[in-house]
C-alpha atoms as a PDB file:
ATOM      1  CA  UNK A   1     -16.654  -0.889   9.054  1.00  0.00           C
ATOM      2  CA  UNK A   2     -15.692  -3.522  11.575  1.00  0.00           C
ATOM      3  CA  UNK A   3     -11.932  -2.940  11.344  1.00  0.00           C
ATOM      4  CA  UNK A   4     -12.509   0.818  11.935  1.00  0.00           C
ATOM      5  CA  UNK A   5     -14.401   0.002  15.063  1.00  0.00           C
ATOM      6  CA  UNK A   6     -11.616  -2.340  16.222  1.00  0.00           C
ATOM      7  CA  UNK A   7      -9.039   0.366  15.574  1.00  0.00           C
ATOM      8  CA  UNK A   8     -10.967   2.931  17.534  1.00  0.00           C
ATOM      9  CA  UNK A   9     -11.473   0.432  20.358  1.00  0.00           C
ATOM     10  CA  UNK A  10      -7.782  -0.444  20.337  1.00  0.00           C
ATOM     11  CA  UNK A  11      -6.860   3.210  20.407  1.00  0.00           C
ATOM     12  CA  UNK A  12      -9.192   3.930  23.275  1.00  0.00           C
ATOM     13  CA  UNK A  13      -7.974   0.872  25.153  1.00  0.00           C
ATOM     14  CA  UNK A  14      -4.391   1.895  24.624  1.00  0.00           C
ATOM     15  CA  UNK A  15      -5.118   5.458  25.811  1.00  0.00           C
ATOM     16  CA  UNK A  16      -6.858   4.067  28.851  1.00  0.00           C
ATOM     17  CA  UNK A  17      -3.880   1.815  29.588  1.00  0.00           C
ATOM     18  CA  UNK A  18      -1.518   4.704  29.172  1.00  0.00           C
ATOM     19  CA  UNK A  19      -3.556   6.890  31.420  1.00  0.00           C
ATOM     20  CA  UNK A  20      -3.787   4.200  34.064  1.00  0.00           C
ATOM     21  CA  UNK A  21      -0.062   3.664  33.907  1.00  0.00           C
ATOM     22  CA  UNK A  22       0.604   7.304  34.563  1.00  0.00           C
ATOM     23  CA  UNK A  23       1.307   8.027  30.953  1.00  0.00           C
ATOM     24  CA  UNK A  24      -0.454  10.744  29.050  1.00  0.00           C
ATOM     25  CA  UNK A  25      -1.290  10.439  25.337  1.00  0.00           C
ATOM     26  CA  UNK A  26       1.478   8.371  23.735  1.00  0.00           C
ATOM     27  CA  UNK A  27       4.300   9.753  25.829  1.00  0.00           C
ATOM     28  CA  UNK A  28       5.285   9.972  29.431  1.00  0.00           C
ATOM     29  CA  UNK A  29       3.910  12.844  31.449  1.00  0.00           C
ATOM     30  CA  UNK A  30       6.507  15.527  32.208  1.00  0.00           C
ATOM     31  CA  UNK A  31       6.769  14.734  35.951  1.00  0.00           C
ATOM     32  CA  UNK A  32       7.032  11.035  35.219  1.00  0.00           C
ATOM     33  CA  UNK A  33       9.720  11.727  32.572  1.00  0.00           C
ATOM     34  CA  UNK A  34      11.799  13.640  35.108  1.00  0.00           C
ATOM     35  CA  UNK A  35      11.544  10.798  37.601  1.00  0.00           C
ATOM     36  CA  UNK A  36      11.970   7.935  35.130  1.00  0.00           C
ATOM     37  CA  UNK A  37      15.189   5.976  35.317  1.00  0.00           C
ATOM     38  CA  UNK A  38      17.845   6.271  32.564  1.00  0.00           C
ATOM     39  CA  UNK A  39      17.011   4.185  29.470  1.00  0.00           C
ATOM     40  CA  UNK A  40      13.298   4.421  29.785  1.00  0.00           C
ATOM     41  CA  UNK A  41      13.121   7.182  27.190  1.00  0.00           C
ATOM     42  CA  UNK A  42      13.016   4.419  24.501  1.00  0.00           C
ATOM     43  CA  UNK A  43       9.555   3.513  25.745  1.00  0.00           C
ATOM     44  CA  UNK A  44       8.439   7.140  25.068  1.00  0.00           C
ATOM     45  CA  UNK A  45       9.837   7.026  21.545  1.00  0.00           C
ATOM     46  CA  UNK A  46       8.085   3.725  20.802  1.00  0.00           C
ATOM     47  CA  UNK A  47       4.786   5.042  22.099  1.00  0.00           C
ATOM     48  CA  UNK A  48       5.063   8.327  20.107  1.00  0.00           C
ATOM     49  CA  UNK A  49       5.719   6.304  16.969  1.00  0.00           C
ATOM     50  CA  UNK A  50       2.719   4.148  17.768  1.00  0.00           C
ATOM     51  CA  UNK A  51       0.536   7.184  18.361  1.00  0.00           C
ATOM     52  CA  UNK A  52       1.642   8.556  14.939  1.00  0.00           C
ATOM     53  CA  UNK A  53       0.698   5.330  13.144  1.00  0.00           C
ATOM     54  CA  UNK A  54      -2.689   5.131  14.909  1.00  0.00           C
ATOM     55  CA  UNK A  55      -3.391   8.763  14.022  1.00  0.00           C
ATOM     56  CA  UNK A  56      -2.628   8.110  10.339  1.00  0.00           C
ATOM     57  CA  UNK A  57      -5.004   5.061  10.415  1.00  0.00           C
ATOM     58  CA  UNK A  58      -7.729   7.092  12.044  1.00  0.00           C
ATOM     59  CA  UNK A  59      -7.302   9.943   9.638  1.00  0.00           C
ATOM     60  CA  UNK A  60      -7.519   7.644   6.693  1.00  0.00           C
ATOM     61  CA  UNK A  61     -10.563   5.918   8.058  1.00  0.00           C
ATOM     62  CA  UNK A  62     -12.331   9.352   8.281  1.00  0.00           C
ATOM     63  CA  UNK A  63     -11.153  10.510   4.859  1.00  0.00           C
ATOM     64  CA  UNK A  64     -13.242  10.184   1.695  1.00  0.00           C
ATOM     65  CA  UNK A  65     -10.591   8.006   0.108  1.00  0.00           C
ATOM     66  CA  UNK A  66     -10.124   4.903   2.176  1.00  0.00           C
ATOM     67  CA  UNK A  67      -6.965   2.876   2.416  1.00  0.00           C
ATOM     68  CA  UNK A  68      -6.333   0.296  -0.222  1.00  0.00           C
ATOM     69  CA  UNK A  69      -5.593  -3.258   1.003  1.00  0.00           C
ATOM     70  CA  UNK A  70      -1.910  -2.639   0.107  1.00  0.00           C
ATOM     71  CA  UNK A  71      -1.716   0.515   2.133  1.00  0.00           C
ATOM     72  CA  UNK A  72      -3.602  -1.051   5.057  1.00  0.00           C
ATOM     73  CA  UNK A  73      -1.253  -4.092   4.990  1.00  0.00           C
ATOM     74  CA  UNK A  74       1.805  -1.901   5.092  1.00  0.00           C
ATOM     75  CA  UNK A  75       0.557   0.564   7.775  1.00  0.00           C
ATOM     76  CA  UNK A  76      -0.854  -2.201   9.967  1.00  0.00           C
ATOM     77  CA  UNK A  77       2.449  -4.117   9.508  1.00  0.00           C
ATOM     78  CA  UNK A  78       4.274  -1.034  10.893  1.00  0.00           C
ATOM     79  CA  UNK A  79       1.819  -0.896  13.783  1.00  0.00           C
ATOM     80  CA  UNK A  80       2.340  -4.604  14.646  1.00  0.00           C
ATOM     81  CA  UNK A  81       6.126  -4.239  14.401  1.00  0.00           C
ATOM     82  CA  UNK A  82       5.966  -1.243  16.681  1.00  0.00           C
ATOM     83  CA  UNK A  83       3.815  -3.237  19.095  1.00  0.00           C
ATOM     84  CA  UNK A  84       6.278  -6.102  19.099  1.00  0.00           C
ATOM     85  CA  UNK A  85       9.158  -3.737  19.835  1.00  0.00           C
ATOM     86  CA  UNK A  86       7.171  -1.929  22.545  1.00  0.00           C
ATOM     87  CA  UNK A  87       6.203  -5.226  24.197  1.00  0.00           C
ATOM     88  CA  UNK A  88       9.748  -6.526  24.061  1.00  0.00           C
ATOM     89  CA  UNK A  89      11.098  -3.319  25.665  1.00  0.00           C
ATOM     90  CA  UNK A  90       8.290  -3.117  28.236  1.00  0.00           C
ATOM     91  CA  UNK A  91       8.698  -6.758  29.297  1.00  0.00           C
ATOM     92  CA  UNK A  92      12.498  -6.483  29.539  1.00  0.00           C
ATOM     93  CA  UNK A  93      12.380  -3.196  31.504  1.00  0.00           C
ATOM     94  CA  UNK A  94       9.163  -3.636  33.444  1.00  0.00           C
ATOM     95  CA  UNK A  95      10.781  -3.320  36.874  1.00  0.00           C
ATOM     96  CA  UNK A  96      13.358  -0.714  36.017  1.00  0.00           C
ATOM     97  CA  UNK A  97      10.898   1.628  34.243  1.00  0.00           C
ATOM     98  CA  UNK A  98       8.104   0.797  36.582  1.00  0.00           C
ATOM     99  CA  UNK A  99       5.692  -0.374  33.835  1.00  0.00           C
ATOM    100  CA  UNK A 100       2.511  -1.881  35.282  1.00  0.00           C
ATOM    101  CA  UNK A 101       1.551  -5.406  34.228  1.00  0.00           C
ATOM    102  CA  UNK A 102      -1.890  -4.110  33.072  1.00  0.00           C
ATOM    103  CA  UNK A 103      -0.168  -1.978  30.477  1.00  0.00           C
ATOM    104  CA  UNK A 104       1.719  -4.952  29.058  1.00  0.00           C
ATOM    105  CA  UNK A 105      -1.423  -7.100  29.058  1.00  0.00           C
ATOM    106  CA  UNK A 106      -3.421  -4.397  27.234  1.00  0.00           C
ATOM    107  CA  UNK A 107      -0.582  -3.860  24.742  1.00  0.00           C
ATOM    108  CA  UNK A 108      -0.477  -7.671  24.009  1.00  0.00           C
ATOM    109  CA  UNK A 109      -4.275  -7.703  23.395  1.00  0.00           C
ATOM    110  CA  UNK A 110      -4.140  -4.638  21.137  1.00  0.00           C
ATOM    111  CA  UNK A 111      -1.177  -5.971  19.176  1.00  0.00           C
ATOM    112  CA  UNK A 112      -2.922  -9.328  18.611  1.00  0.00           C
ATOM    113  CA  UNK A 113      -6.028  -7.490  17.247  1.00  0.00           C
ATOM    114  CA  UNK A 114      -3.861  -5.352  15.004  1.00  0.00           C
ATOM    115  CA  UNK A 115      -2.073  -8.447  13.761  1.00  0.00           C
ATOM    116  CA  UNK A 116      -5.421 -10.107  12.914  1.00  0.00           C
ATOM    117  CA  UNK A 117      -6.600  -7.068  10.954  1.00  0.00           C
ATOM    118  CA  UNK A 118      -3.197  -6.824   9.198  1.00  0.00           C
ATOM    119  CA  UNK A 119      -3.377 -10.500   8.214  1.00  0.00           C
ATOM    120  CA  UNK A 120      -6.861  -9.942   6.693  1.00  0.00           C
ATOM    121  CA  UNK A 121      -5.620  -6.962   4.661  1.00  0.00           C
ATOM    122  CA  UNK A 122      -2.451  -8.733   3.518  1.00  0.00           C
ATOM    123  CA  UNK A 123      -4.498 -11.889   2.600  1.00  0.00           C
ATOM    124  CA  UNK A 124      -6.707  -9.622   0.447  1.00  0.00           C
ATOM    125  CA  UNK A 125      -3.630  -8.228  -1.282  1.00  0.00           C
ATOM    126  CA  UNK A 126      -2.283 -11.780  -1.989  1.00  0.00           C
ATOM    127  CA  UNK A 127      -5.732 -12.926  -3.353  1.00  0.00           C
ATOM    128  CA  UNK A 128      -5.979  -9.889  -5.604  1.00  0.00           C
ATOM    129  CA  UNK A 129      -2.422 -10.516  -6.905  1.00  0.00           C
ATOM    130  CA  UNK A 130      -3.273 -14.168  -7.593  1.00  0.00           C
ATOM    131  CA  UNK A 131      -6.445 -13.188  -9.492  1.00  0.00           C
ATOM    132  CA  UNK A 132      -4.500 -10.676 -11.596  1.00  0.00           C
ATOM    133  CA  UNK A 133      -1.897 -13.317 -12.506  1.00  0.00           C
ATOM    134  CA  UNK A 134      -4.574 -15.792 -13.526  1.00  0.00           C
ATOM    135  CA  UNK A 135      -6.353 -13.176 -15.666  1.00  0.00           C
ATOM    136  CA  UNK A 136      -3.046 -12.288 -17.358  1.00  0.00           C
ATOM    137  CA  UNK A 137      -2.285 -15.908 -18.048  1.00  0.00           C
ATOM    138  CA  UNK A 138      -5.728 -16.448 -19.608  1.00  0.00           C
ATOM    139  CA  UNK A 139      -5.313 -13.271 -21.714  1.00  0.00           C
ATOM    140  CA  UNK A 140      -1.940 -14.563 -23.017  1.00  0.00           C
ATOM    141  CA  UNK A 141      -3.435 -17.931 -23.862  1.00  0.00           C
ATOM    142  CA  UNK A 142      -6.189 -16.316 -25.845  1.00  0.00           C
ATOM    143  CA  UNK A 143      -3.780 -14.015 -27.624  1.00  0.00           C
ATOM    144  CA  UNK A 144      -1.616 -16.930 -28.647  1.00  0.00           C
ATOM    145  CA  UNK A 145      -4.665 -18.725 -30.063  1.00  0.00           C
ATOM    146  CA  UNK A 146      -4.273 -21.527 -27.552  1.00  0.00           C
ATOM    147  CA  UNK A 147      -7.175 -23.512 -26.317  1.00  0.00           C
ATOM    148  CA  UNK A 148      -7.756 -22.443 -22.673  1.00  0.00           C
ATOM    149  CA  UNK A 149      -9.460 -25.854 -22.021  1.00  0.00           C
ATOM    150  CA  UNK A 150      -6.454 -27.960 -22.984  1.00  0.00           C
ATOM    151  CA  UNK A 151      -7.435 -30.918 -25.097  1.00  0.00           C
ATOM    152  CA  UNK A 152      -5.779 -31.672 -28.480  1.00  0.00           C
ATOM    153  CA  UNK A 153      -4.101 -28.259 -28.520  1.00  0.00           C
ATOM    154  CA  UNK A 154      -1.937 -29.111 -25.625  1.00  0.00           C
ATOM    155  CA  UNK A 155      -1.027 -32.495 -27.146  1.00  0.00           C
ATOM    156  CA  UNK A 156      -0.239 -31.480 -30.721  1.00  0.00           C
ATOM    157  CA  UNK A 157       0.927 -27.993 -29.945  1.00  0.00           C
ATOM    158  CA  UNK A 158      -1.240 -26.376 -32.602  1.00  0.00           C
ATOM    159  CA  UNK A 159      -4.769 -25.335 -33.287  1.00  0.00           C
ATOM    160  CA  UNK A 160      -7.482 -27.913 -33.672  1.00  0.00           C
ATOM    161  CA  UNK A 161      -8.017 -28.906 -37.302  1.00  0.00           C
ATOM    162  CA  UNK A 162     -11.373 -29.516 -38.932  1.00  0.00           C
ATOM    163  CA  UNK A 163     -11.360 -32.826 -40.910  1.00  0.00           C
ATOM    164  CA  UNK A 164     -11.334 -32.255 -44.648  1.00  0.00           C
ATOM    165  CA  UNK A 165     -13.351 -34.193 -47.185  1.00  0.00           C
ATOM    166  CA  UNK A 166     -16.689 -35.933 -47.153  1.00  0.00           C
ATOM    167  CA  UNK A 167     -18.106 -36.860 -43.804  1.00  0.00           C
END
């Protein structure tokens, strides 16, 4: 599946960016944590949350039962929100926390890809809901004996009558 490949690529790219930035996994390495200025712990929390979300996405892509569009929309929404918060923090504290520009650039690219996949999943949810509403409306019209094609039913408000008498 194309989105699974994109997720794996994004995960690998994020891991490479973290490793290149002196970060290990989704958190700061122990020596870096001891040397990091006060207030930079928030970055570690955001990255741990991101790693947890990515792990759940990877686990569900490997599972027999794949994510539904609703589940994908919600989970990817959390991932994008986390990415936005991480980018905001990293940009605001880039100098203080010694965050390399390459990490921020990689994070922006990954977050844009996640947002694109999320938009596809959420659009599928919206389309499915619209089709269900349309099917329910058609079922209601048929139950009420209405003419689904409009015509004289919609004008007179009743069923079409067959003319009586000789023709």
